[in-house]
Amino acid sequence: MTSTDSAATDPATPAAPSTGAPAKAPAKDPWDLPDVSGLVVGVLGGTGPQGKGLAYRLARAGQKVIIGSRAAERAEAAAAALGHGVEGADNAETARRSDLVIVAVPWEGHGKTLESLRAELAGKLVVDCVNPLGFDKQGAYALKPEEGSAAQQAAALLPDSRVTAAFHHLSAVLLEDPEVDRIDTDVMVLGEVRADVEIVQALAGRIPGMRGVFAGRLRNAHQVESLVANLISVNRRYKAHAGLRVTDV
């Protein structure tokens, strides 16, 4: 009998007290994110500056990307210009063929676009990056939708989809510039289900320089969307393309 065996069977060796409760699982590392490299990403509004820029960056990082537009021909032309294997289709076809769909349409068409795609987006992970903004002589200002935010409007219109919010604070100028290799910024990600949020965080992290950071549930999306009005003011004053960094995380 080895010394280990003796210690295990010796009645003089005190046994660990049993509480009857199952052992507590160790806390999950918040930076332990899934592999999303195999997901097909669709971008609704993919012919606009923000959507086209996101499509370009994700495709350049190796993601399979389809950009959507109301007119398939317009999407196909934009995809050909982007290269990196990007495909173009109409919005419905883009939604059907994608695992994850980024909504980057203008705020004015946000509700109607999503309502028309409810069936195609059922069961999909939807990432809303729309910022409801108004503009006047004093500059940009935040609008507050009846539902509370663009992301909450999306969740209300798409009851069979898994809605998250992210990619609000990115400069379309930097996203589209092929001379820019890294975009050093954090992406605030909001959602109701941790697994869905982590997928979006991981997708953001595919773009060199970016990091996805959990920023709360969808009820907090209005503050995140509204902050873009402040960034527009920063960019105008300093002639910059400002982003955000979250410190001590």
C-alpha atoms as a PDB file:
ATOM      1  CA  MET A   1       0.000   0.000   0.000  1.00  0.00           C
ATOM      2  CA  THR A   2       1.363   3.393  -0.927  1.00  0.00           C
ATOM      3  CA  SER A   3       1.409   6.372   1.404  1.00  0.00           C
ATOM      4  CA  THR A   4      -1.299   7.893  -0.726  1.00  0.00           C
ATOM      5  CA  ASP A   5      -3.469   4.799  -0.311  1.00  0.00           C
ATOM      6  CA  SER A   6      -2.863   4.859   3.448  1.00  0.00           C
ATOM      7  CA  ALA A   7      -3.967   8.444   3.776  1.00  0.00           C
ATOM      8  CA  ALA A   8      -7.072   7.710   1.763  1.00  0.00           C
ATOM      9  CA  THR A   9      -8.155   4.753   3.961  1.00  0.00           C
ATOM     10  CA  ASP A  10      -6.748   5.657   7.385  1.00  0.00           C
ATOM     11  CA  PRO A  11      -9.727   6.336   9.705  1.00  0.00           C
ATOM     12  CA  ALA A  12      -7.550   8.841  11.558  1.00  0.00           C
ATOM     13  CA  THR A  13      -7.443  11.021   8.446  1.00  0.00           C
ATOM     14  CA  PRO A  14     -10.314  13.518   8.686  1.00  0.00           C
ATOM     15  CA  ALA A  15     -12.647  13.513   5.700  1.00  0.00           C
ATOM     16  CA  ALA A  16     -13.748  16.734   4.056  1.00  0.00           C
ATOM     17  CA  PRO A  17     -17.096  17.863   5.439  1.00  0.00           C
ATOM     18  CA  SER A  18     -20.047  17.219   3.136  1.00  0.00           C
ATOM     19  CA  THR A  19     -22.536  20.023   2.775  1.00  0.00           C
ATOM     20  CA  GLY A  20     -24.782  18.148   0.375  1.00  0.00           C
ATOM     21  CA  ALA A  21     -24.489  21.031  -2.126  1.00  0.00           C
ATOM     22  CA  PRO A  22     -22.882  20.449  -5.517  1.00  0.00           C
ATOM     23  CA  ALA A  23     -19.425  21.864  -6.052  1.00  0.00           C
ATOM     24  CA  LYS A  24     -19.549  25.411  -7.404  1.00  0.00           C
ATOM     25  CA  ALA A  25     -18.249  25.745 -10.941  1.00  0.00           C
ATOM     26  CA  PRO A  26     -15.335  28.123 -11.355  1.00  0.00           C
ATOM     27  CA  ALA A  27     -16.242  31.557 -12.684  1.00  0.00           C
ATOM     28  CA  LYS A  28     -16.055  31.781 -16.465  1.00  0.00           C
ATOM     29  CA  ASP A  29     -13.299  33.951 -17.845  1.00  0.00           C
ATOM     30  CA  PRO A  30     -15.161  36.872 -19.492  1.00  0.00           C
ATOM     31  CA  TRP A  31     -12.534  36.942 -22.252  1.00  0.00           C
ATOM     32  CA  ASP A  32     -13.030  33.269 -23.109  1.00  0.00           C
ATOM     33  CA  LEU A  33     -14.950  33.914 -26.319  1.00  0.00           C
ATOM     34  CA  PRO A  34     -16.169  31.472 -28.985  1.00  0.00           C
ATOM     35  CA  ASP A  35     -14.644  30.836 -32.387  1.00  0.00           C
ATOM     36  CA  VAL A  36     -16.851  32.706 -34.876  1.00  0.00           C
ATOM     37  CA  SER A  37     -14.623  32.385 -37.934  1.00  0.00           C
ATOM     38  CA  GLY A  38     -17.062  30.001 -39.647  1.00  0.00           C
ATOM     39  CA  LEU A  39     -20.131  32.229 -39.385  1.00  0.00           C
ATOM     40  CA  VAL A  40     -21.649  33.838 -42.459  1.00  0.00           C
ATOM     41  CA  VAL A  41     -22.250  37.515 -41.682  1.00  0.00           C
ATOM     42  CA  GLY A  42     -24.919  39.475 -43.516  1.00  0.00           C
ATOM     43  CA  VAL A  43     -25.016  43.272 -43.501  1.00  0.00           C
ATOM     44  CA  LEU A  44     -28.363  44.934 -44.172  1.00  0.00           C
ATOM     45  CA  GLY A  45     -27.711  48.399 -45.514  1.00  0.00           C
ATOM     46  CA  GLY A  46     -24.371  47.116 -46.726  1.00  0.00           C
ATOM     47  CA  THR A  47     -24.100  49.707 -49.481  1.00  0.00           C
ATOM     48  CA  GLY A  48     -24.069  52.635 -47.045  1.00  0.00           C
ATOM     49  CA  PRO A  49     -20.815  53.917 -45.489  1.00  0.00           C
ATOM     50  CA  GLN A  50     -21.159  52.147 -42.110  1.00  0.00           C
ATOM     51  CA  GLY A  51     -22.411  48.860 -43.495  1.00  0.00           C
ATOM     52  CA  LYS A  52     -19.909  48.800 -46.336  1.00  0.00           C
ATOM     53  CA  GLY A  53     -17.077  49.634 -43.946  1.00  0.00           C
ATOM     54  CA  LEU A  54     -18.011  46.846 -41.522  1.00  0.00           C
ATOM     55  CA  ALA A  55     -18.370  44.383 -44.390  1.00  0.00           C
ATOM     56  CA  TYR A  56     -14.931  45.327 -45.703  1.00  0.00           C
ATOM     57  CA  ARG A  57     -13.210  44.989 -42.312  1.00  0.00           C
ATOM     58  CA  LEU A  58     -14.808  41.649 -41.466  1.00  0.00           C
ATOM     59  CA  ALA A  59     -14.125  40.195 -44.915  1.00  0.00           C
ATOM     60  CA  ARG A  60     -10.548  41.454 -44.781  1.00  0.00           C
ATOM     61  CA  ALA A  61     -10.215  39.580 -41.454  1.00  0.00           C
ATOM     62  CA  GLY A  62     -11.346  36.354 -43.147  1.00  0.00           C
ATOM     63  CA  GLN A  63     -15.081  36.355 -42.393  1.00  0.00           C
ATOM     64  CA  LYS A  64     -17.581  35.265 -45.046  1.00  0.00           C
ATOM     65  CA  VAL A  65     -19.726  38.365 -45.691  1.00  0.00           C
ATOM     66  CA  ILE A  66     -22.845  39.087 -47.742  1.00  0.00           C
ATOM     67  CA  ILE A  67     -24.032  42.668 -48.113  1.00  0.00           C
ATOM     68  CA  GLY A  68     -27.696  43.415 -48.657  1.00  0.00           C
ATOM     69  CA  SER A  69     -29.611  46.240 -50.265  1.00  0.00           C
ATOM     70  CA  ARG A  70     -33.158  46.799 -51.449  1.00  0.00           C
ATOM     71  CA  ALA A  71     -31.772  46.320 -54.973  1.00  0.00           C
ATOM     72  CA  ALA A  72     -29.660  43.211 -55.541  1.00  0.00           C
ATOM     73  CA  GLU A  73     -27.793  44.871 -58.417  1.00  0.00           C
ATOM     74  CA  ARG A  74     -26.643  47.686 -56.175  1.00  0.00           C
ATOM     75  CA  ALA A  75     -25.423  45.221 -53.540  1.00  0.00           C
ATOM     76  CA  GLU A  76     -23.594  43.138 -56.127  1.00  0.00           C
ATOM     77  CA  ALA A  77     -21.790  46.202 -57.490  1.00  0.00           C
ATOM     78  CA  ALA A  78     -20.737  47.298 -53.997  1.00  0.00           C
ATOM     79  CA  ALA A  79     -19.559  43.772 -53.150  1.00  0.00           C
ATOM     80  CA  ALA A  80     -17.439  43.598 -56.283  1.00  0.00           C
ATOM     81  CA  ALA A  81     -15.789  46.890 -55.342  1.00  0.00           C
ATOM     82  CA  LEU A  82     -14.989  45.634 -51.830  1.00  0.00           C
ATOM     83  CA  GLY A  83     -13.401  42.358 -52.944  1.00  0.00           C
ATOM     84  CA  HIS A  84     -12.201  39.856 -50.305  1.00  0.00           C
ATOM     85  CA  GLY A  85     -14.932  37.408 -51.364  1.00  0.00           C
ATOM     86  CA  VAL A  86     -17.811  39.687 -50.338  1.00  0.00           C
ATOM     87  CA  GLU A  87     -21.096  38.806 -52.061  1.00  0.00           C
ATOM     88  CA  GLY A  88     -24.126  41.012 -52.715  1.00  0.00           C
ATOM     89  CA  ALA A  89     -27.829  40.203 -52.675  1.00  0.00           C
ATOM     90  CA  ASP A  90     -31.137  41.800 -51.849  1.00  0.00           C
ATOM     91  CA  ASN A  91     -31.935  42.198 -48.155  1.00  0.00           C
ATOM     92  CA  ALA A  92     -34.204  39.150 -47.949  1.00  0.00           C
ATOM     93  CA  GLU A  93     -31.678  36.816 -49.583  1.00  0.00           C
ATOM     94  CA  THR A  94     -28.914  38.241 -47.377  1.00  0.00           C
ATOM     95  CA  ALA A  95     -30.944  37.532 -44.257  1.00  0.00           C
ATOM     96  CA  ARG A  96     -31.799  33.986 -45.360  1.00  0.00           C
ATOM     97  CA  ARG A  97     -28.201  33.033 -46.164  1.00  0.00           C
ATOM     98  CA  SER A  98     -26.552  34.504 -43.058  1.00  0.00           C
ATOM     99  CA  ASP A  99     -25.968  33.115 -39.578  1.00  0.00           C
ATOM    100  CA  LEU A 100     -25.565  36.571 -38.068  1.00  0.00           C
ATOM    101  CA  VAL A 101     -27.070  39.754 -39.513  1.00  0.00           C
ATOM    102  CA  ILE A 102     -25.826  43.285 -38.842  1.00  0.00           C
ATOM    103  CA  VAL A 103     -28.463  45.997 -39.254  1.00  0.00           C
ATOM    104  CA  ALA A 104     -26.805  49.139 -40.639  1.00  0.00           C
ATOM    105  CA  VAL A 105     -29.730  50.778 -42.428  1.00  0.00           C
ATOM    106  CA  PRO A 106     -30.600  54.484 -42.069  1.00  0.00           C
ATOM    107  CA  TRP A 107     -32.721  55.213 -39.005  1.00  0.00           C
ATOM    108  CA  GLU A 108     -35.553  56.513 -41.181  1.00  0.00           C
ATOM    109  CA  GLY A 109     -36.016  53.067 -42.752  1.00  0.00           C
ATOM    110  CA  HIS A 110     -35.123  50.966 -39.708  1.00  0.00           C
ATOM    111  CA  GLY A 111     -38.592  49.902 -38.617  1.00  0.00           C
ATOM    112  CA  LYS A 112     -40.018  49.177 -42.073  1.00  0.00           C
ATOM    113  CA  THR A 113     -36.954  47.222 -43.144  1.00  0.00           C
ATOM    114  CA  LEU A 114     -36.997  44.929 -40.115  1.00  0.00           C
ATOM    115  CA  GLU A 115     -40.743  44.462 -40.199  1.00  0.00           C
ATOM    116  CA  SER A 116     -40.525  43.324 -43.838  1.00  0.00           C
ATOM    117  CA  LEU A 117     -37.791  40.788 -42.968  1.00  0.00           C
ATOM    118  CA  ARG A 118     -39.358  39.232 -39.871  1.00  0.00           C
ATOM    119  CA  ALA A 119     -39.674  35.777 -41.443  1.00  0.00           C
ATOM    120  CA  GLU A 120     -36.178  35.782 -42.977  1.00  0.00           C
ATOM    121  CA  LEU A 121     -34.596  36.910 -39.691  1.00  0.00           C
ATOM    122  CA  ALA A 122     -36.412  34.367 -37.508  1.00  0.00           C
ATOM    123  CA  GLY A 123     -33.914  32.328 -35.516  1.00  0.00           C
ATOM    124  CA  LYS A 124     -31.008  34.577 -36.552  1.00  0.00           C
ATOM    125  CA  LEU A 125     -28.642  36.509 -34.322  1.00  0.00           C
ATOM    126  CA  VAL A 126     -29.307  40.152 -35.210  1.00  0.00           C
ATOM    127  CA  VAL A 127     -26.817  42.919 -34.348  1.00  0.00           C
ATOM    128  CA  ASP A 128     -28.332  46.403 -34.479  1.00  0.00           C
ATOM    129  CA  CYS A 129     -25.840  49.250 -34.946  1.00  0.00           C
ATOM    130  CA  VAL A 130     -28.301  51.996 -35.900  1.00  0.00           C
ATOM    131  CA  ASN A 131     -28.096  55.371 -34.149  1.00  0.00           C
ATOM    132  CA  PRO A 132     -31.338  57.383 -34.076  1.00  0.00           C
ATOM    133  CA  LEU A 133     -30.079  60.937 -34.599  1.00  0.00           C
ATOM    134  CA  GLY A 134     -31.441  64.276 -35.687  1.00  0.00           C
ATOM    135  CA  PHE A 135     -29.485  67.214 -37.102  1.00  0.00           C
ATOM    136  CA  ASP A 136     -30.034  70.947 -36.962  1.00  0.00           C
ATOM    137  CA  LYS A 137     -27.907  74.104 -37.043  1.00  0.00           C
ATOM    138  CA  GLN A 138     -26.411  73.199 -33.653  1.00  0.00           C
ATOM    139  CA  GLY A 139     -25.280  69.791 -34.847  1.00  0.00           C
ATOM    140  CA  ALA A 140     -26.295  66.215 -34.086  1.00  0.00           C
ATOM    141  CA  TYR A 141     -28.652  65.273 -31.289  1.00  0.00           C
ATOM    142  CA  ALA A 142     -30.119  61.999 -30.059  1.00  0.00           C
ATOM    143  CA  LEU A 143     -33.660  60.898 -30.810  1.00  0.00           C
ATOM    144  CA  LYS A 144     -35.510  58.524 -28.466  1.00  0.00           C
ATOM    145  CA  PRO A 145     -37.742  55.991 -30.209  1.00  0.00           C
ATOM    146  CA  GLU A 146     -41.028  55.004 -28.618  1.00  0.00           C
ATOM    147  CA  GLU A 147     -39.530  51.608 -27.705  1.00  0.00           C
ATOM    148  CA  GLY A 148     -36.548  53.301 -25.997  1.00  0.00           C
ATOM    149  CA  SER A 149     -33.825  52.699 -28.583  1.00  0.00           C
ATOM    150  CA  ALA A 150     -33.247  51.350 -32.072  1.00  0.00           C
ATOM    151  CA  ALA A 151     -32.158  48.025 -30.572  1.00  0.00           C
ATOM    152  CA  GLN A 152     -35.340  47.752 -28.504  1.00  0.00           C
ATOM    153  CA  GLN A 153     -37.392  48.586 -31.583  1.00  0.00           C
ATOM    154  CA  ALA A 154     -35.610  45.758 -33.388  1.00  0.00           C
ATOM    155  CA  ALA A 155     -36.361  43.359 -30.532  1.00  0.00           C
ATOM    156  CA  ALA A 156     -40.032  44.349 -30.593  1.00  0.00           C
ATOM    157  CA  LEU A 157     -40.296  43.896 -34.360  1.00  0.00           C
ATOM    158  CA  LEU A 158     -38.332  40.623 -34.425  1.00  0.00           C
ATOM    159  CA  PRO A 159     -39.783  38.455 -31.627  1.00  0.00           C
ATOM    160  CA  ASP A 160     -38.343  35.277 -33.163  1.00  0.00           C
ATOM    161  CA  SER A 161     -34.796  36.667 -33.522  1.00  0.00           C
ATOM    162  CA  ARG A 162     -32.009  37.064 -30.966  1.00  0.00           C
ATOM    163  CA  VAL A 163     -31.325  40.799 -30.939  1.00  0.00           C
ATOM    164  CA  THR A 164     -28.117  42.416 -29.698  1.00  0.00           C
ATOM    165  CA  ALA A 165     -26.637  45.882 -30.193  1.00  0.00           C
ATOM    166  CA  ALA A 166     -23.045  46.799 -31.146  1.00  0.00           C
ATOM    167  CA  PHE A 167     -20.734  48.659 -33.571  1.00  0.00           C
ATOM    168  CA  HIS A 168     -22.309  52.075 -32.913  1.00  0.00           C
ATOM    169  CA  HIS A 169     -19.175  54.176 -32.384  1.00  0.00           C
ATOM    170  CA  LEU A 170     -17.034  53.267 -35.390  1.00  0.00           C
ATOM    171  CA  SER A 171     -15.837  55.756 -37.967  1.00  0.00           C
ATOM    172  CA  ALA A 172     -17.027  54.805 -41.442  1.00  0.00           C
ATOM    173  CA  VAL A 173     -14.050  56.757 -42.845  1.00  0.00           C
ATOM    174  CA  LEU A 174     -11.577  54.522 -41.001  1.00  0.00           C
ATOM    175  CA  LEU A 175     -13.539  51.345 -41.724  1.00  0.00           C
ATOM    176  CA  GLU A 176     -13.455  51.976 -45.466  1.00  0.00           C
ATOM    177  CA  ASP A 177      -9.847  53.155 -45.706  1.00  0.00           C
ATOM    178  CA  PRO A 178      -7.647  50.321 -47.084  1.00  0.00           C
ATOM    179  CA  GLU A 179      -4.528  52.145 -45.865  1.00  0.00           C
ATOM    180  CA  VAL A 180      -5.646  51.731 -42.227  1.00  0.00           C
ATOM    181  CA  ASP A 181      -4.468  48.360 -40.896  1.00  0.00           C
ATOM    182  CA  ARG A 182      -5.767  48.680 -37.313  1.00  0.00           C
ATOM    183  CA  ILE A 183      -8.711  50.473 -35.749  1.00  0.00           C
ATOM    184  CA  ASP A 184      -7.881  50.880 -32.079  1.00  0.00           C
ATOM    185  CA  THR A 185     -11.250  51.091 -30.366  1.00  0.00           C
ATOM    186  CA  ASP A 186     -13.614  49.168 -28.132  1.00  0.00           C
ATOM    187  CA  VAL A 187     -17.037  48.000 -29.272  1.00  0.00           C
ATOM    188  CA  MET A 188     -19.753  48.130 -26.624  1.00  0.00           C
ATOM    189  CA  VAL A 189     -22.020  45.085 -26.942  1.00  0.00           C
ATOM    190  CA  LEU A 190     -25.465  44.843 -25.365  1.00  0.00           C
ATOM    191  CA  GLY A 191     -27.886  41.942 -25.199  1.00  0.00           C
ATOM    192  CA  GLU A 192     -30.082  39.708 -23.091  1.00  0.00           C
ATOM    193  CA  VAL A 193     -28.286  36.363 -23.550  1.00  0.00           C
ATOM    194  CA  ARG A 194     -24.633  35.987 -22.573  1.00  0.00           C
ATOM    195  CA  ALA A 195     -23.850  33.472 -25.318  1.00  0.00           C
ATOM    196  CA  ASP A 196     -25.186  35.815 -27.994  1.00  0.00           C
ATOM    197  CA  VAL A 197     -23.267  38.787 -26.597  1.00  0.00           C
ATOM    198  CA  GLU A 198     -20.064  36.741 -26.562  1.00  0.00           C
ATOM    199  CA  ILE A 199     -20.494  35.808 -30.218  1.00  0.00           C
ATOM    200  CA  VAL A 200     -20.719  39.501 -31.105  1.00  0.00           C
ATOM    201  CA  GLN A 201     -17.750  40.336 -28.870  1.00  0.00           C
ATOM    202  CA  ALA A 202     -15.731  37.670 -30.653  1.00  0.00           C
ATOM    203  CA  LEU A 203     -16.793  39.008 -34.044  1.00  0.00           C
ATOM    204  CA  ALA A 204     -15.626  42.512 -33.100  1.00  0.00           C
ATOM    205  CA  GLY A 205     -12.324  41.032 -31.991  1.00  0.00           C
ATOM    206  CA  ARG A 206     -11.727  39.629 -35.472  1.00  0.00           C
ATOM    207  CA  ILE A 207     -10.959  43.180 -36.662  1.00  0.00           C
ATOM    208  CA  PRO A 208      -7.367  44.136 -35.743  1.00  0.00           C
ATOM    209  CA  GLY A 209      -7.273  46.693 -32.928  1.00  0.00           C
ATOM    210  CA  MET A 210     -10.893  46.172 -31.868  1.00  0.00           C
ATOM    211  CA  ARG A 211     -12.240  44.570 -28.727  1.00  0.00           C
ATOM    212  CA  GLY A 212     -15.849  43.732 -27.871  1.00  0.00           C
ATOM    213  CA  VAL A 213     -16.873  44.699 -24.324  1.00  0.00           C
ATOM    214  CA  PHE A 214     -20.137  43.696 -22.620  1.00  0.00           C
ATOM    215  CA  ALA A 215     -22.044  46.896 -21.776  1.00  0.00           C
ATOM    216  CA  GLY A 216     -25.370  45.735 -20.349  1.00  0.00           C
ATOM    217  CA  ARG A 217     -28.819  44.687 -21.481  1.00  0.00           C
ATOM    218  CA  LEU A 218     -30.825  46.172 -24.312  1.00  0.00           C
ATOM    219  CA  ARG A 219     -32.610  48.547 -21.944  1.00  0.00           C
ATOM    220  CA  ASN A 220     -29.292  50.441 -21.791  1.00  0.00           C
ATOM    221  CA  ALA A 221     -28.935  50.759 -25.558  1.00  0.00           C
ATOM    222  CA  HIS A 222     -30.316  54.306 -25.753  1.00  0.00           C
ATOM    223  CA  GLN A 223     -27.288  55.760 -23.933  1.00  0.00           C
ATOM    224  CA  VAL A 224     -24.894  53.901 -26.215  1.00  0.00           C
ATOM    225  CA  GLU A 225     -26.702  54.966 -29.384  1.00  0.00           C
ATOM    226  CA  SER A 226     -26.978  58.573 -28.159  1.00  0.00           C
ATOM    227  CA  LEU A 227     -23.255  58.871 -27.464  1.00  0.00           C
ATOM    228  CA  VAL A 228     -22.653  59.008 -31.203  1.00  0.00           C
ATOM    229  CA  ALA A 229     -23.985  62.585 -31.186  1.00  0.00           C
ATOM    230  CA  ASN A 230     -21.184  63.494 -28.775  1.00  0.00           C
ATOM    231  CA  LEU A 231     -18.579  61.747 -30.913  1.00  0.00           C
ATOM    232  CA  ILE A 232     -19.757  63.695 -33.954  1.00  0.00           C
ATOM    233  CA  SER A 233     -19.164  66.899 -31.994  1.00  0.00           C
ATOM    234  CA  VAL A 234     -15.694  65.680 -30.986  1.00  0.00           C
ATOM    235  CA  ASN A 235     -14.819  64.812 -34.561  1.00  0.00           C
ATOM    236  CA  ARG A 236     -15.960  68.171 -35.905  1.00  0.00           C
ATOM    237  CA  ARG A 237     -14.053  70.176 -33.321  1.00  0.00           C
ATOM    238  CA  TYR A 238     -10.807  68.198 -33.537  1.00  0.00           C
ATOM    239  CA  LYS A 239     -11.068  67.060 -37.170  1.00  0.00           C
ATOM    240  CA  ALA A 240     -10.720  63.470 -35.977  1.00  0.00           C
ATOM    241  CA  HIS A 241     -12.301  60.027 -36.302  1.00  0.00           C
ATOM    242  CA  ALA A 242     -12.729  59.379 -32.586  1.00  0.00           C
ATOM    243  CA  GLY A 243     -13.675  56.045 -31.041  1.00  0.00           C
ATOM    244  CA  LEU A 244     -13.914  54.753 -27.461  1.00  0.00           C
ATOM    245  CA  ARG A 245     -11.697  52.827 -25.078  1.00  0.00           C
ATOM    246  CA  VAL A 246     -12.972  51.294 -21.836  1.00  0.00           C
ATOM    247  CA  THR A 247     -10.221  51.486 -19.200  1.00  0.00           C
ATOM    248  CA  ASP A 248      -9.291  48.969 -16.471  1.00  0.00           C
ATOM    249  CA  VAL A 249     -11.056  46.085 -18.220  1.00  0.00           C
END
